[in-house]
Protein backbone atom coordinates (compact mmCIF):
# COMPACT_ATOMS: atom_id res chain seq x y z
CA MET A 1 82.83 123.90 101.10
CA ARG A 2 85.72 126.03 99.87
CA ASP A 3 87.51 125.42 103.16
CA ILE A 4 87.09 121.65 102.71
CA ARG A 5 88.51 121.79 99.19
CA ASN A 6 91.47 123.91 100.32
CA ASN A 7 92.08 121.41 103.10
CA LEU A 8 92.07 118.53 100.62
CA ILE A 9 94.52 120.33 98.34
CA ASN A 10 96.82 120.94 101.29
CA ILE A 11 96.68 117.23 102.20
CA LEU A 12 97.62 116.32 98.64
CA ILE A 13 100.52 118.77 98.62
CA GLU A 14 101.74 117.42 101.95
CA GLU A 15 101.25 113.72 101.25
CA VAL A 16 102.12 113.30 97.57
CA LYS A 17 105.86 113.86 97.24
CA PRO A 18 108.80 112.42 95.33
CA ALA A 19 110.93 109.96 97.31
CA LEU A 20 114.14 108.13 96.48
CA GLY A 21 114.43 104.73 98.11
CA CYS A 22 112.23 102.97 100.65
CA THR A 23 110.77 105.62 102.92
CA GLU A 24 111.77 104.17 106.30
CA PRO A 25 115.55 103.78 105.72
CA VAL A 26 115.51 107.06 103.79
CA ALA A 27 113.94 108.75 106.82
CA VAL A 28 116.72 107.26 108.97
CA ALA A 29 119.28 108.62 106.49
CA LEU A 30 117.54 112.00 106.64
CA ALA A 31 117.71 112.09 110.43
CA CYS A 32 121.38 111.04 110.36
CA ALA A 33 122.20 113.72 107.80
CA LYS A 34 120.54 116.41 109.92
CA ALA A 35 122.27 115.24 113.09
CA LYS A 36 125.65 115.23 111.33
CA GLU A 37 125.06 118.76 110.00
CA LEU A 38 124.31 119.95 113.52
CA LEU A 39 127.35 118.12 114.90
CA GLY A 40 129.69 119.81 112.42
CA GLU A 41 132.57 117.37 112.90
CA ASP A 42 133.49 113.69 112.59
CA VAL A 43 131.29 111.23 114.45
CA VAL A 44 132.91 109.43 117.38
CA SER A 45 129.80 107.51 118.48
CA ASN A 46 126.16 107.19 117.45
CA LYS A 47 122.90 105.86 118.83
CA ILE A 48 119.84 105.44 116.64
CA LEU A 49 116.47 104.50 118.15
CA LEU A 50 113.54 103.53 115.92
CA SER A 51 109.88 102.74 116.41
CA PRO A 52 109.29 99.02 115.73
CA ASN A 53 107.54 99.65 112.42
CA VAL A 54 110.35 101.81 111.06
CA TYR A 55 112.83 99.17 112.24
CA LYS A 56 110.81 96.42 110.52
CA ASN A 57 110.40 98.25 107.23
CA GLY A 58 114.06 99.18 106.90
CA MET A 59 115.68 95.90 107.87
CA CYS A 60 115.86 94.04 104.53
CA VAL A 61 115.28 96.58 101.79
CA GLY A 62 117.60 97.74 99.01
CA ILE A 63 119.13 101.21 99.30
CA PRO A 64 119.64 103.39 96.19
CA GLY A 65 123.25 103.62 95.03
CA THR A 66 124.55 100.52 96.82
CA GLU A 67 124.03 96.78 96.58
CA ARG A 68 123.81 96.53 100.36
CA LEU A 69 120.55 96.21 102.22
CA GLY A 70 119.07 97.72 105.33
CA LEU A 71 119.26 100.38 107.96
CA LYS A 72 122.98 100.49 108.73
CA ILE A 73 124.06 101.38 105.21
CA ALA A 74 121.24 103.95 104.99
CA ALA A 75 122.44 105.54 108.23
CA ALA A 76 126.06 105.54 107.03
CA MET A 77 125.09 107.17 103.74
CA GLY A 78 123.14 109.83 105.60
CA LEU A 79 126.08 110.53 107.88
CA LEU A 80 128.70 110.72 105.12
CA GLY A 81 126.92 112.32 102.19
CA GLY A 82 123.31 113.19 102.92
CA HIS A 83 121.90 116.69 102.63
CA SER A 84 118.86 117.16 104.86
CA GLU A 85 117.49 120.03 102.76
CA ASN A 86 116.63 117.43 100.12
CA GLY A 87 114.06 115.83 102.42
CA LEU A 88 113.04 112.33 101.35
CA GLN A 89 115.38 112.61 98.36
CA VAL A 90 118.30 112.90 100.79
CA LEU A 91 120.27 110.11 99.11
CA GLU A 92 119.86 111.38 95.56
CA THR A 93 122.99 113.57 95.51
CA LEU A 94 125.46 110.94 96.78
CA ASP A 95 128.13 110.04 94.21
CA GLU A 96 129.93 106.69 93.89
CA ASN A 97 132.83 107.78 96.09
CA GLN A 98 130.51 108.88 98.89
CA VAL A 99 128.67 105.55 98.70
CA LYS A 100 131.99 103.67 98.91
CA ASP A 101 132.99 105.81 101.88
CA ALA A 102 129.67 104.93 103.55
CA GLU A 103 130.22 101.22 102.89
CA ASN A 104 133.71 101.45 104.40
CA TYR A 105 132.35 103.37 107.38
CA MET A 106 129.72 100.68 107.94
CA ASP A 107 132.39 97.96 107.81
CA ASN A 108 134.78 99.66 110.21
CA ASN A 109 132.61 101.59 112.67
CA PRO A 110 129.83 100.43 114.98
CA ILE A 111 126.41 101.75 114.01
CA ASP A 112 124.13 101.38 116.99
CA ILE A 113 120.56 100.86 115.75
CA SER A 114 117.85 99.32 117.88
CA PRO A 115 114.04 99.20 118.11
CA LEU A 116 112.36 101.32 120.75
CA ASP A 117 109.57 100.14 123.02
CA THR A 118 106.91 102.56 121.83
CA ASN A 119 103.44 102.48 120.33
CA GLU A 120 104.26 105.31 117.97
CA LYS A 121 104.34 104.24 114.34
CA VAL A 122 106.92 106.68 112.96
CA TYR A 123 109.65 107.70 115.38
CA ILE A 124 113.37 108.13 114.69
CA GLU A 125 115.87 109.48 117.19
CA VAL A 126 119.55 109.99 116.33
CA THR A 127 122.16 111.01 118.91
CA LEU A 128 125.71 111.74 117.75
CA LYS A 129 128.86 112.54 119.69
CA GLY A 130 132.01 114.05 118.25
CA LYS A 131 135.31 115.06 119.81
CA ASN A 132 134.02 118.50 120.79
CA HIS A 133 130.30 118.52 120.16
CA ASN A 134 127.14 116.43 120.33
CA SER A 135 123.77 116.57 118.59
CA LYS A 136 120.36 114.99 118.76
CA VAL A 137 117.41 114.99 116.35
CA ALA A 138 114.00 113.33 116.30
CA ILE A 139 111.45 112.67 113.58
CA ARG A 140 107.89 111.83 114.52
CA SER A 141 104.50 111.07 112.91
CA LYS A 142 105.67 111.68 109.34
CA HIS A 143 108.89 110.52 107.76
CA ASP A 144 110.26 114.02 107.16
CA ASN A 145 108.73 115.73 110.17
CA PHE A 146 111.52 116.94 112.48
CA VAL A 147 110.12 117.61 115.94
CA TYR A 148 113.35 118.00 117.92
CA LEU A 149 116.81 119.45 117.22
CA GLU A 150 119.58 119.85 119.77
CA LYS A 151 123.26 120.81 119.68
CA ASP A 152 125.57 120.78 122.70
CA GLY A 153 122.60 120.72 125.04
CA GLU A 154 120.91 123.73 123.43
CA VAL A 155 117.42 122.96 122.14
CA LEU A 156 117.04 124.46 118.65
CA LEU A 157 113.59 123.03 117.88
CA SER A 158 110.98 121.35 120.05
CA ASN A 159 107.60 121.04 118.35
CA GLU A 160 106.48 118.18 120.55
CA GLU A 161 107.59 116.57 123.75
CA VAL A 162 110.21 114.04 122.70
CA SER A 163 109.14 111.08 124.76
CA THR A 164 110.14 107.45 124.29
CA THR A 165 107.49 105.97 126.55
CA THR A 166 104.90 103.45 125.48
CA LYS A 167 102.07 105.96 125.79
CA THR A 168 99.77 106.06 122.82
CA LEU A 169 100.13 109.24 120.79
CA VAL A 170 96.96 111.32 120.94
CA LYS A 171 95.76 111.88 117.40
CA GLU A 172 94.83 115.42 116.47
CA GLU A 173 91.47 116.12 114.92
CA ASN A 174 91.52 116.40 111.16
CA ILE A 175 89.11 116.41 108.26
CA MET A 176 89.52 112.66 107.70
CA ASP A 177 87.95 111.98 111.10
CA SER A 178 84.56 113.28 110.05
CA ILE A 179 84.23 113.60 106.27
CA THR A 180 82.30 110.92 104.40
CA ILE A 181 83.47 109.20 101.22
CA LYS A 182 80.57 110.85 99.38
CA GLU A 183 81.64 114.31 100.57
CA LEU A 184 85.25 113.52 99.72
CA VAL A 185 84.43 112.55 96.12
CA GLU A 186 82.00 115.44 95.59
CA ASN A 187 84.61 117.97 96.73
CA ILE A 188 87.34 116.40 94.59
CA GLU A 189 85.09 116.71 91.55
CA LYS A 190 84.89 120.46 92.17
CA LEU A 191 88.65 121.02 92.52
CA ASN A 192 90.32 123.30 90.00
CA PHE A 193 92.55 121.33 87.64
CA GLU A 194 95.45 123.74 88.09
CA ASP A 195 95.47 123.07 91.84
CA ILE A 196 95.97 119.33 91.37
CA LYS A 197 97.82 119.22 88.05
CA PHE A 198 101.03 118.38 89.93
CA LEU A 199 99.60 114.93 90.65
CA LEU A 200 100.22 114.01 87.01
CA ASP A 201 103.95 114.16 87.72
CA GLY A 202 103.45 110.95 89.65
CA ILE A 203 102.34 109.17 86.49
CA SER A 204 105.51 109.90 84.52
CA MET A 205 107.74 109.31 87.54
CA ASN A 206 106.21 105.96 88.50
CA GLU A 207 105.88 104.80 84.89
CA GLU A 208 109.60 105.38 84.42
CA ILE A 209 110.65 103.11 87.26
CA ALA A 210 108.05 100.53 86.16
CA GLU A 211 109.62 100.53 82.69
CA TYR A 212 113.01 99.85 84.27
CA GLY A 213 111.60 96.85 86.13
CA LEU A 214 109.95 95.52 82.98
CA ASN A 215 113.08 95.70 80.84
CA GLN A 216 115.54 94.32 83.39
CA LYS A 217 115.07 91.52 85.89
CA VAL A 218 115.67 93.18 89.24
CA GLY A 219 114.56 92.04 92.67
CA ILE A 220 112.33 89.00 92.31
CA GLY A 221 111.40 90.09 88.80
CA VAL A 222 107.63 89.82 89.32
CA GLY A 223 106.76 92.42 86.68
CA TYR A 224 109.46 91.16 84.33
CA GLY A 225 108.16 87.60 84.69
CA MET A 226 104.60 88.69 83.96
CA LYS A 227 105.72 90.56 80.86
CA LYS A 228 107.57 87.49 79.55
CA SER A 229 104.53 85.34 80.32
CA MET A 230 102.30 87.70 78.32
CA GLU A 231 104.70 87.49 75.38
CA GLU A 232 104.60 83.67 75.60
CA GLY A 233 100.81 83.61 75.79
CA LEU A 234 100.67 82.27 79.33
CA LEU A 235 98.93 85.44 80.52
CA GLY A 236 96.42 87.60 78.70
CA ASP A 237 97.18 91.25 78.00
CA ASP A 238 94.15 92.58 79.85
CA LEU A 239 93.54 95.43 82.28
CA MET A 240 94.01 93.41 85.45
CA ASN A 241 97.26 91.81 84.32
CA GLN A 242 98.60 95.13 83.01
CA ALA A 243 97.90 96.74 86.38
CA MET A 244 99.59 93.87 88.21
CA MET A 245 102.57 93.87 85.84
CA ILE A 246 103.51 97.54 85.90
CA THR A 247 102.85 97.97 89.63
CA ALA A 248 104.96 94.93 90.48
CA ALA A 249 107.74 95.95 88.08
CA ALA A 250 108.02 99.35 89.73
CA SER A 251 108.20 97.70 93.16
CA ASP A 252 110.82 95.23 91.90
CA ALA A 253 113.06 98.13 90.92
CA ARG A 254 112.37 100.21 94.00
CA MET A 255 112.89 97.41 96.52
CA ALA A 256 116.12 96.44 94.76
CA GLY A 257 117.45 99.95 95.48
CA ILE A 258 117.47 101.26 91.92
CA LYS A 259 118.39 104.94 92.10
CA MET A 260 115.20 106.39 90.64
CA PRO A 261 112.65 108.51 92.52
CA VAL A 262 108.98 107.58 92.80
CA MET A 263 105.96 109.64 93.69
CA SER A 264 104.97 108.58 97.18
CA SER A 265 101.57 108.66 98.84
CA ASN A 266 100.98 109.19 102.55
CA GLY A 267 104.61 108.64 103.48
CA SER A 268 105.31 105.56 101.37
CA GLY A 269 106.78 105.09 97.92
CA ASN A 270 105.12 101.69 97.51
CA HIS A 271 101.80 103.29 98.48
CA GLY A 272 102.44 105.78 95.69
CA LEU A 273 103.09 103.00 93.18
CA THR A 274 99.89 101.20 94.23
CA ALA A 275 97.74 104.33 94.31
CA ILE A 276 98.91 105.53 90.87
CA LEU A 277 99.90 102.68 88.56
CA PRO A 278 96.59 100.72 88.42
CA ILE A 279 95.04 104.02 87.27
CA VAL A 280 97.82 104.32 84.68
CA ALA A 281 96.95 100.83 83.43
CA TYR A 282 93.29 101.84 83.10
CA ASN A 283 94.26 105.01 81.24
CA ARG A 284 96.35 103.01 78.77
CA LYS A 285 93.35 100.85 77.90
CA PHE A 286 90.78 103.64 78.09
CA PRO A 287 92.51 107.02 77.55
CA GLN A 288 91.27 109.90 79.71
CA SER A 289 91.74 113.67 79.71
CA GLU A 290 94.45 115.11 81.93
CA GLU A 291 91.85 116.71 84.19
CA ARG A 292 89.97 113.45 84.73
CA LEU A 293 93.26 111.66 85.37
CA ALA A 294 94.30 114.25 87.94
CA LYS A 295 90.96 114.02 89.73
CA SER A 296 91.07 110.21 89.75
CA LEU A 297 94.55 110.41 91.29
CA ALA A 298 93.21 112.85 93.87
CA VAL A 299 90.47 110.35 94.73
CA SER A 300 93.07 107.60 95.02
CA HIS A 301 95.51 109.53 97.23
CA LEU A 302 92.82 110.99 99.46
CA VAL A 303 90.96 107.71 99.97
CA THR A 304 94.34 106.19 100.80
CA ALA A 305 94.80 108.98 103.36
CA TYR A 306 91.30 108.32 104.68
CA VAL A 307 92.07 104.65 105.28
CA LYS A 308 95.50 105.40 106.76
CA ASN A 309 93.86 107.83 109.17
CA PHE A 310 92.19 104.83 110.82
CA THR A 311 94.77 102.07 110.30
CA GLY A 312 97.75 104.19 111.31
CA ARG A 313 100.65 105.39 109.19
CA LEU A 314 102.50 102.11 109.73
CA SER A 315 100.88 98.93 111.03
CA ALA A 316 100.88 95.13 111.09
CA VAL A 317 98.95 95.07 107.82
CA CYS A 318 100.33 95.89 104.39
CA GLY A 319 99.36 99.49 103.67
CA CYS A 320 99.53 98.82 99.94
CA GLY A 321 97.08 95.95 100.29
CA VAL A 322 94.57 97.63 102.60
CA ALA A 323 94.95 101.38 101.98
CA ALA A 324 96.61 102.34 98.68
CA SER A 325 94.77 99.59 96.78
CA THR A 326 91.52 100.90 98.26
CA GLY A 327 92.44 104.36 97.02
CA ALA A 328 93.24 102.93 93.59
CA THR A 329 89.95 101.04 93.34
CA ALA A 330 88.06 104.23 94.22
CA GLY A 331 90.01 106.18 91.59
CA ILE A 332 89.39 103.55 88.93
CA SER A 333 85.71 103.30 89.83
CA TRP A 334 85.44 107.09 89.49
CA LEU A 335 87.18 106.96 86.09
CA MET A 336 84.63 104.36 85.00
CA SER A 337 82.01 107.06 85.69
CA GLY A 338 80.83 105.10 88.67
CA ASP A 339 78.23 106.74 90.87
CA ILE A 340 78.88 107.13 94.58
CA ARG A 341 77.27 103.76 95.38
CA GLN A 342 79.61 102.01 92.95
CA ILE A 343 82.64 103.84 94.35
CA GLU A 344 81.61 102.93 97.89
CA GLY A 345 80.93 99.37 96.74
CA ALA A 346 84.40 99.08 95.23
CA ILE A 347 85.90 100.25 98.54
CA GLU A 348 83.81 97.75 100.52
CA ASN A 349 84.87 94.97 98.14
CA MET A 350 88.48 95.84 98.97
CA VAL A 351 87.80 95.86 102.72
CA ALA A 352 86.36 92.36 102.38
CA ASN A 353 89.29 91.13 100.28
CA LEU A 354 92.83 91.94 101.39
CA SER A 355 92.16 93.20 104.91
CA GLY A 356 94.38 90.55 106.52
CA MET A 357 97.52 90.95 104.39
CA ILE A 358 100.41 91.27 106.86
CA CYS A 359 103.33 93.66 106.56
CA ASP A 360 106.64 91.90 107.15
CA GLY A 361 108.78 94.87 106.23
CA ALA A 362 110.01 96.40 102.99
CA LYS A 363 111.91 93.94 100.82
CA ALA A 364 111.97 92.26 97.41
CA GLY A 365 108.83 90.27 98.20
CA CYS A 366 106.78 93.46 98.35
CA ALA A 367 106.45 93.27 94.57
CA LEU A 368 104.23 90.20 95.01
CA LYS A 369 102.04 92.03 97.51
CA LEU A 370 101.75 95.05 95.20
CA ALA A 371 100.77 92.78 92.31
CA SER A 372 97.98 91.32 94.46
CA ALA A 373 96.94 94.79 95.61
CA ALA A 374 96.76 96.13 92.04
CA SER A 375 94.81 93.10 90.87
CA ALA A 376 92.32 93.38 93.71
CA ALA A 377 91.89 97.12 93.08
CA VAL A 378 90.95 96.53 89.44
CA GLN A 379 88.76 93.55 90.29
CA SER A 380 86.87 95.42 92.99
CA ALA A 381 86.16 98.38 90.70
CA ILE A 382 85.13 96.18 87.77
CA ILE A 383 82.60 94.14 89.70
CA ALA A 384 81.29 97.26 91.46
CA LYS A 385 80.59 98.71 88.00
CA GLN A 386 78.28 95.72 87.51
CA GLU A 387 76.67 96.58 90.88
CA CYS A 388 78.23 93.57 92.60
CA TYR A 389 79.10 94.51 96.17
CA VAL A 390 79.78 92.80 99.46
CA PRO A 391 76.51 93.20 101.42
CA PRO A 392 76.32 95.21 104.66
CA MET A 393 77.14 93.54 107.97
CA ASN A 394 79.26 90.94 106.19
CA GLY A 395 82.35 90.11 108.23
CA ILE A 396 83.99 93.46 109.02
CA VAL A 397 82.01 95.23 106.28
CA GLY A 398 79.60 97.49 108.14
CA SER A 399 76.32 99.18 107.36
CA LYS A 400 78.13 102.14 105.73
CA VAL A 401 81.45 102.39 103.91
CA GLU A 402 82.84 104.70 106.61
CA GLN A 403 82.07 102.11 109.27
CA SER A 404 83.78 99.43 107.17
CA ILE A 405 86.96 101.51 106.99
CA GLN A 406 86.81 102.28 110.71
CA ASN A 407 86.41 98.55 111.43
CA LEU A 408 89.43 97.86 109.27
CA GLY A 409 91.31 100.48 111.27
CA LYS A 410 90.39 98.89 114.60
CA ILE A 411 91.65 95.51 113.44
CA SER A 412 94.82 96.93 111.90
CA ASP A 413 95.76 99.32 114.68
CA LYS A 414 94.50 97.53 117.78
CA GLY A 415 93.63 93.95 116.93
CA MET A 416 96.90 93.11 115.21
CA SER A 417 99.31 94.84 117.59
CA VAL A 418 100.37 91.44 118.99
CA THR A 419 100.78 90.13 115.46
CA ASP A 420 103.06 93.04 114.66
CA LYS A 421 105.29 92.29 117.65
CA VAL A 422 105.53 88.63 116.63
CA ILE A 423 106.41 89.59 113.03
CA ILE A 424 109.16 91.93 114.24
CA ASN A 425 110.51 89.31 116.68
CA VAL A 426 110.61 86.65 113.93
CA MET A 427 112.43 89.00 111.56
CA ASP A 428 114.82 90.17 114.28
CA GLU A 429 115.67 86.57 115.24
CA MET A 430 116.43 85.67 111.61
CA ASN A 431 118.50 88.81 111.21
CA LYS A 432 120.62 87.91 114.26
CA ILE A 433 121.12 84.32 113.08
CA ASN A 434 122.10 85.35 109.58
């Protein structure tokens, strides 16, 4: 049991990290920064290859420090001012002059970015050529996981075979393949507070960016609009609306490219907002001890990881709607002192609810999806507290909660692969026209 708990702590340490900007373009910036550091001179030419999901998620999103959108400006910022040692906060140290230089570079130099024909979810390959040198880097599986480094033909790092074929990546065995939700929750309850206290940093970090989105209309202004509607009496100031409001406001600010870090979850900043802020809303209405808050966050992040283990790190479905919201509902249900049946019931309610929400990339409209995800998370936990659950063998809800999540994974990872290609083609066509 101690080994299981240590494993869970390690997953939390690995998967709950600060991130500045949308994770996919930031990962591209990170790869570009590393490749430029290896090159050691001005870039003469570049070629950037991305897995379709990374390409999709980075196409239309705001980038911190600039009013421009998308992958090309992220790549330019990584090349001209990024520091790879900062990981997913690679863009945080750029000053205004460096951002202007990146904008000028983007306007006056070709940046060759294209999607790669691969089934891998997270893959980024950057090849640079200078006057005297060349470099190549690759990121795979996780947004900050460098698997290949090369300079002037010399391989400096090769953790995996860098292949760009359409072969499906073989998934390594991990604890999420076999652990049950009951075992997961029971082991989280026995974690030492000091080992997971760092999770509380995500509350202050994500609350801060939510506050920005509430006080200023940025992006669509979903959270801002809800706040104004509450003040005018059009919406009630209840738990569900509070969860929707602050989660959406944080996404408004993040998708607009506001230069503020968020605590991510399982490789996504928006996942982090969805996994954390509905719990924050519950805590505001029903204050909890720091230890209970930390453990509820652990439930949320680890259930999110559990779902993502089956759906894939990136997919055709919105990870906030199907994974992070499921984590949040489990965390809220646990905070409500729900027993394991109620926690499982809340998860199954989520599987029955938002399982078909598509992902059409990171952009301003994500705030609407996060509002729906937060609302559904609270709703699912609340009705589960009253012992209201979707019955077994109902649609994709199986006989056990684990089967329900695995069914969701099959639909997300395999069943919607064609849908994902169509979404990417539609977005790519619009991008070329406009």
